[in-house]
């Protein structure tokens, strides 16, 4: 398994011939090329934490409380808890944070990142990435079915989610430090740690969007509809 842990500090700094998956043996391991695209005009993503797994692993579900792994991604852009959960789970087959272990930059508006990951037949894929200019917003997919045939592709929209773990103050002081600088507002402070004073005991819901109640600007940091797409192609 590839193990690449990207911290908030790092954030700063062919398809083959068509064939039937039914020809694969029960233990066949396939390779998939995954592209995560940011379709917003001003919101940035952290590098995505991705894992392939069986039906017994669940990264997140709307209506349920966020795990520590998802909370850390959504509030702080910290992917270490997720990679630790992936590595410790007997239900996870493979996991990847980014295409290189050196730490890529965040995914900017209109940009994408591509990586490869493996999975056994009937495996599933889950992904999570922080919406950097939010208090506890994230995007991703949970347990998406992988394409079975060689060269086949699956594309899915990426919704925006609110982890329900922190009040949406939209204030620079309560956001991660890269937000202001990445979106052209200069260095405005912020923190890479959770603030207990803002803690909420909620559940994961669809994100209400940027309201503009403090420093975030809806026209800059906001979005309409999905925030991106994920495209998965079986390549091996």
Protein backbone atom coordinates (compact mmCIF):
# COMPACT_ATOMS: atom_id res chain seq x y z
CA UNK A 1 0.00 0.00 0.00
CA UNK A 2 1.09 3.57 -0.64
CA UNK A 3 1.22 5.66 2.45
CA UNK A 4 1.54 9.40 1.92
CA UNK A 5 0.49 11.72 4.76
CA UNK A 6 -0.06 15.36 3.88
CA UNK A 7 -0.26 17.83 6.79
CA UNK A 8 -1.57 21.38 6.70
CA UNK A 9 2.07 22.50 6.54
CA UNK A 10 2.50 20.58 3.31
CA UNK A 11 -0.61 22.25 1.94
CA UNK A 12 1.04 25.59 2.49
CA UNK A 13 4.31 25.00 1.23
CA UNK A 14 -4.84 4.90 -21.27
CA UNK A 15 -7.22 2.92 -20.76
CA UNK A 16 -6.52 -0.68 -21.93
CA UNK A 17 -8.40 -2.89 -24.36
CA UNK A 18 -12.05 -3.43 -23.54
CA UNK A 19 -12.76 -6.59 -21.61
CA UNK A 20 -15.29 -7.96 -19.18
CA UNK A 21 -14.66 -7.82 -15.45
CA UNK A 22 -16.46 -11.13 -15.30
CA UNK A 23 -13.33 -12.70 -16.75
CA UNK A 24 -11.38 -11.69 -13.65
CA UNK A 25 -10.89 -14.24 -10.92
CA UNK A 26 -12.47 -13.57 -7.51
CA UNK A 27 -9.14 -12.35 -6.15
CA UNK A 28 -8.24 -10.14 -9.11
CA UNK A 29 -6.89 -6.72 -8.17
CA UNK A 30 -7.60 -3.94 -10.64
CA UNK A 31 -5.96 -0.54 -11.05
CA UNK A 32 -7.96 2.68 -11.38
CA UNK A 33 -7.01 6.16 -12.47
CA UNK A 34 -8.87 8.77 -10.44
CA UNK A 35 -9.17 12.47 -11.27
CA UNK A 36 -10.62 14.93 -8.77
CA UNK A 37 -11.60 18.27 -10.35
CA UNK A 38 -12.48 21.51 -8.58
CA UNK A 39 -15.24 23.24 -10.53
CA UNK A 40 -15.70 26.24 -8.21
CA UNK A 41 -14.53 29.75 -9.06
CA UNK A 42 -12.93 30.65 -5.72
CA UNK A 43 -12.96 27.74 -3.27
CA UNK A 44 -9.84 25.56 -2.81
CA UNK A 45 -9.57 21.85 -1.89
CA UNK A 46 -6.90 20.10 0.13
CA UNK A 47 -5.33 17.10 -1.60
CA UNK A 48 -7.96 14.34 -1.34
CA UNK A 49 -7.59 11.39 1.01
CA UNK A 50 -8.84 8.34 -0.91
CA UNK A 51 -9.27 4.68 -0.03
CA UNK A 52 -10.59 1.54 -1.70
CA UNK A 53 -12.41 -0.83 0.58
CA UNK A 54 -15.20 -3.36 0.97
CA UNK A 55 -18.77 -2.79 2.18
CA UNK A 56 -17.78 -2.87 5.84
CA UNK A 57 -15.84 0.40 5.74
CA UNK A 58 -17.65 3.75 5.91
CA UNK A 59 -15.80 7.06 5.63
CA UNK A 60 -18.82 9.31 6.10
CA UNK A 61 -22.60 9.37 5.72
CA UNK A 62 -25.00 12.32 5.74
CA UNK A 63 -27.19 12.30 8.82
CA UNK A 64 -24.46 10.69 10.94
CA UNK A 65 -21.84 12.26 13.17
CA UNK A 66 -18.48 12.90 11.58
CA UNK A 67 -15.62 10.62 12.54
CA UNK A 68 -12.44 12.12 13.96
CA UNK A 69 -10.86 11.56 10.55
CA UNK A 70 -13.53 13.56 8.72
CA UNK A 71 -13.64 16.25 11.44
CA UNK A 72 -9.88 16.79 11.14
CA UNK A 73 -10.13 17.10 7.37
CA UNK A 74 -13.17 19.39 7.46
CA UNK A 75 -11.95 21.72 10.22
CA UNK A 76 -8.18 21.72 9.87
CA UNK A 77 -7.16 20.26 6.53
CA UNK A 78 -5.36 17.56 8.54
CA UNK A 79 -5.29 14.29 6.60
CA UNK A 80 -3.23 12.31 9.12
CA UNK A 81 -6.25 10.98 11.04
CA UNK A 82 -7.80 9.69 7.82
CA UNK A 83 -4.65 7.98 6.62
CA UNK A 84 -4.25 6.46 10.08
CA UNK A 85 -7.80 5.11 9.91
CA UNK A 86 -7.18 3.73 6.43
CA UNK A 87 -3.96 2.02 7.51
CA UNK A 88 -5.57 0.49 10.59
CA UNK A 89 -8.72 -0.87 8.95
CA UNK A 90 -8.78 -4.51 7.82
CA UNK A 91 -11.51 -3.51 5.35
CA UNK A 92 -9.33 -1.04 3.41
CA UNK A 93 -7.38 -2.43 0.45
CA UNK A 94 -5.37 0.57 -0.74
CA UNK A 95 -5.17 4.26 0.03
CA UNK A 96 -3.63 7.38 -1.45
CA UNK A 97 -3.44 11.02 -0.46
CA UNK A 98 -1.95 12.51 -3.60
CA UNK A 99 0.03 11.53 -6.70
CA UNK A 100 3.35 12.08 -4.94
CA UNK A 101 4.46 11.68 -1.30
CA UNK A 102 6.27 15.02 -1.38
CA UNK A 103 3.08 16.97 -0.83
CA UNK A 104 1.25 18.66 -3.69
CA UNK A 105 -0.32 22.11 -3.46
CA UNK A 106 -4.03 22.48 -2.82
CA UNK A 107 -6.42 21.99 -5.74
CA UNK A 108 -7.36 25.44 -7.00
CA UNK A 109 -10.53 26.50 -8.81
CA UNK A 110 -10.68 24.88 -12.23
CA UNK A 111 -7.77 22.56 -11.44
CA UNK A 112 -7.57 18.82 -10.87
CA UNK A 113 -5.34 16.13 -9.41
CA UNK A 114 -4.94 12.58 -10.74
CA UNK A 115 -3.72 9.46 -8.98
CA UNK A 116 -3.89 5.69 -9.30
CA UNK A 117 -5.24 3.27 -6.74
CA UNK A 118 -5.93 -0.47 -6.68
CA UNK A 119 -8.94 -2.45 -5.54
CA UNK A 120 -10.21 -6.03 -5.64
CA UNK A 121 -13.22 -6.97 -7.70
CA UNK A 122 -16.39 -5.36 -6.31
CA UNK A 123 -14.31 -2.88 -4.30
CA UNK A 124 -15.57 0.63 -3.50
CA UNK A 125 -13.91 4.04 -3.38
CA UNK A 126 -14.28 6.80 -0.79
CA UNK A 127 -12.69 10.26 -0.90
CA UNK A 128 -12.67 13.33 1.34
CA UNK A 129 -11.03 16.75 0.95
CA UNK A 130 -11.42 19.97 2.88
CA UNK A 131 -13.11 23.02 1.40
CA UNK A 132 -10.29 25.24 2.63
CA UNK A 133 -12.28 28.49 2.95
CA UNK A 134 -14.92 27.08 5.32
CA UNK A 135 -15.08 26.34 9.03
CA UNK A 136 -15.90 22.64 8.68
CA UNK A 137 -16.79 22.09 5.05
CA UNK A 138 -15.57 19.20 2.95
CA UNK A 139 -16.30 17.36 -0.27
CA UNK A 140 -15.96 13.78 -1.38
CA UNK A 141 -17.74 10.54 -2.14
CA UNK A 142 -18.58 7.61 0.11
CA UNK A 143 -18.47 4.02 -1.16
CA UNK A 144 -18.82 4.75 -4.86
CA UNK A 145 -18.92 1.65 -7.07
CA UNK A 146 -15.86 1.25 -9.26
CA UNK A 147 -16.14 0.61 -13.02
CA UNK A 148 -15.79 -3.09 -13.75
CA UNK A 149 -14.72 -3.31 -17.39
CA UNK A 150 -11.22 -2.44 -18.61
CA UNK A 151 -11.28 1.13 -19.90
CA UNK A 152 -14.71 1.82 -18.45
CA UNK A 153 -15.25 5.14 -16.67
CA UNK A 154 -17.53 6.40 -13.90
CA UNK A 155 -17.98 10.14 -13.24
CA UNK A 156 -19.75 11.55 -10.21
CA UNK A 157 -20.45 15.09 -9.01
CA UNK A 158 -18.82 16.18 -5.76
CA UNK A 159 -21.27 17.74 -3.33
CA UNK A 160 -20.30 20.13 -0.53
CA UNK A 161 -20.86 18.86 3.01
CA UNK A 162 -20.88 20.46 6.44
CA UNK A 163 -19.32 18.17 9.05
CA UNK A 164 -21.56 19.58 11.79
CA UNK A 165 -18.60 19.88 14.14
CA UNK A 166 -17.90 23.64 14.15
CA UNK A 167 -19.95 26.83 13.99
CA UNK A 168 -19.78 28.51 10.58
CA UNK A 169 -18.41 31.86 11.74
CA UNK A 170 -16.73 32.56 8.36
CA UNK A 171 -14.16 34.69 10.25
CA UNK A 172 -10.47 34.72 9.28
CA UNK A 173 -9.49 33.94 12.87
CA UNK A 174 -11.50 30.70 12.77
CA UNK A 175 -10.38 29.49 9.33
CA UNK A 176 -7.21 27.67 8.34
CA UNK A 177 -4.33 30.06 7.51
CA UNK A 178 -4.10 29.34 3.74
CA UNK A 179 -7.65 30.54 3.02
CA UNK A 180 -7.10 34.29 2.83
CA UNK A 181 -3.78 34.10 1.00
CA UNK A 182 -5.00 31.56 -1.55
CA UNK A 183 -8.03 33.67 -2.41
CA UNK A 184 -6.18 36.97 -2.71
CA UNK A 185 -6.88 38.57 0.67
CA UNK A 186 -3.33 38.37 2.04
CA UNK A 187 -2.27 36.86 5.35
CA UNK A 188 -5.23 37.19 7.71
CA UNK A 189 -4.31 34.87 10.56
CA UNK A 190 -6.36 31.82 11.32
CA UNK A 191 -5.48 28.51 12.90
CA UNK A 192 -4.89 24.89 11.95
CA UNK A 193 -6.39 23.64 15.22
CA UNK A 194 -9.97 23.01 16.32
CA UNK A 195 -11.41 25.64 18.67
CA UNK A 196 -13.47 24.05 21.49
CA UNK A 197 -15.44 27.27 21.82
CA UNK A 198 -16.87 26.73 18.33
CA UNK A 199 -17.58 23.02 18.72
CA UNK A 200 -20.95 21.67 17.61
CA UNK A 201 -22.43 18.25 18.22
CA UNK A 202 -24.20 18.03 14.90
CA UNK A 203 -24.30 15.59 12.01
CA UNK A 204 -23.04 15.69 8.44
CA UNK A 205 -25.41 17.61 6.18
CA UNK A 206 -25.34 19.29 2.79
CA UNK A 207 -23.34 22.49 3.23
CA UNK A 208 -25.57 25.61 3.34
CA UNK A 209 -22.96 27.58 1.39
CA UNK A 210 -21.10 30.78 2.20
CA UNK A 211 -23.43 33.34 3.79
CA UNK A 212 -21.02 36.26 4.07
CA UNK A 213 -21.63 36.75 7.79
CA UNK A 214 -18.03 37.77 8.49
CA UNK A 215 -14.95 37.72 6.26
CA UNK A 216 -15.87 35.20 3.59
CA UNK A 217 -17.35 36.66 0.42
CA UNK A 218 -20.10 34.59 -1.25
CA UNK A 219 -19.15 35.82 -4.73
CA UNK A 220 -15.54 34.72 -4.17
CA UNK A 221 -15.60 31.79 -1.77
CA UNK A 222 -19.09 30.47 -2.50
CA UNK A 223 -20.42 27.99 -5.05
CA UNK A 224 -23.63 26.92 -6.72
CA UNK A 225 -24.46 23.23 -7.03
CA UNK A 226 -21.68 20.63 -7.01
CA UNK A 227 -18.17 21.83 -6.17
CA UNK A 228 -16.43 19.39 -8.50
CA UNK A 229 -16.32 15.98 -10.08
CA UNK A 230 -14.50 12.70 -9.61
CA UNK A 231 -13.75 10.57 -12.66
CA UNK A 232 -12.65 6.96 -12.25
CA UNK A 233 -11.31 4.83 -15.08
CA UNK A 234 -10.19 1.21 -14.84
CA UNK A 235 -6.72 1.06 -16.40
CA UNK A 236 -5.38 -2.30 -15.25
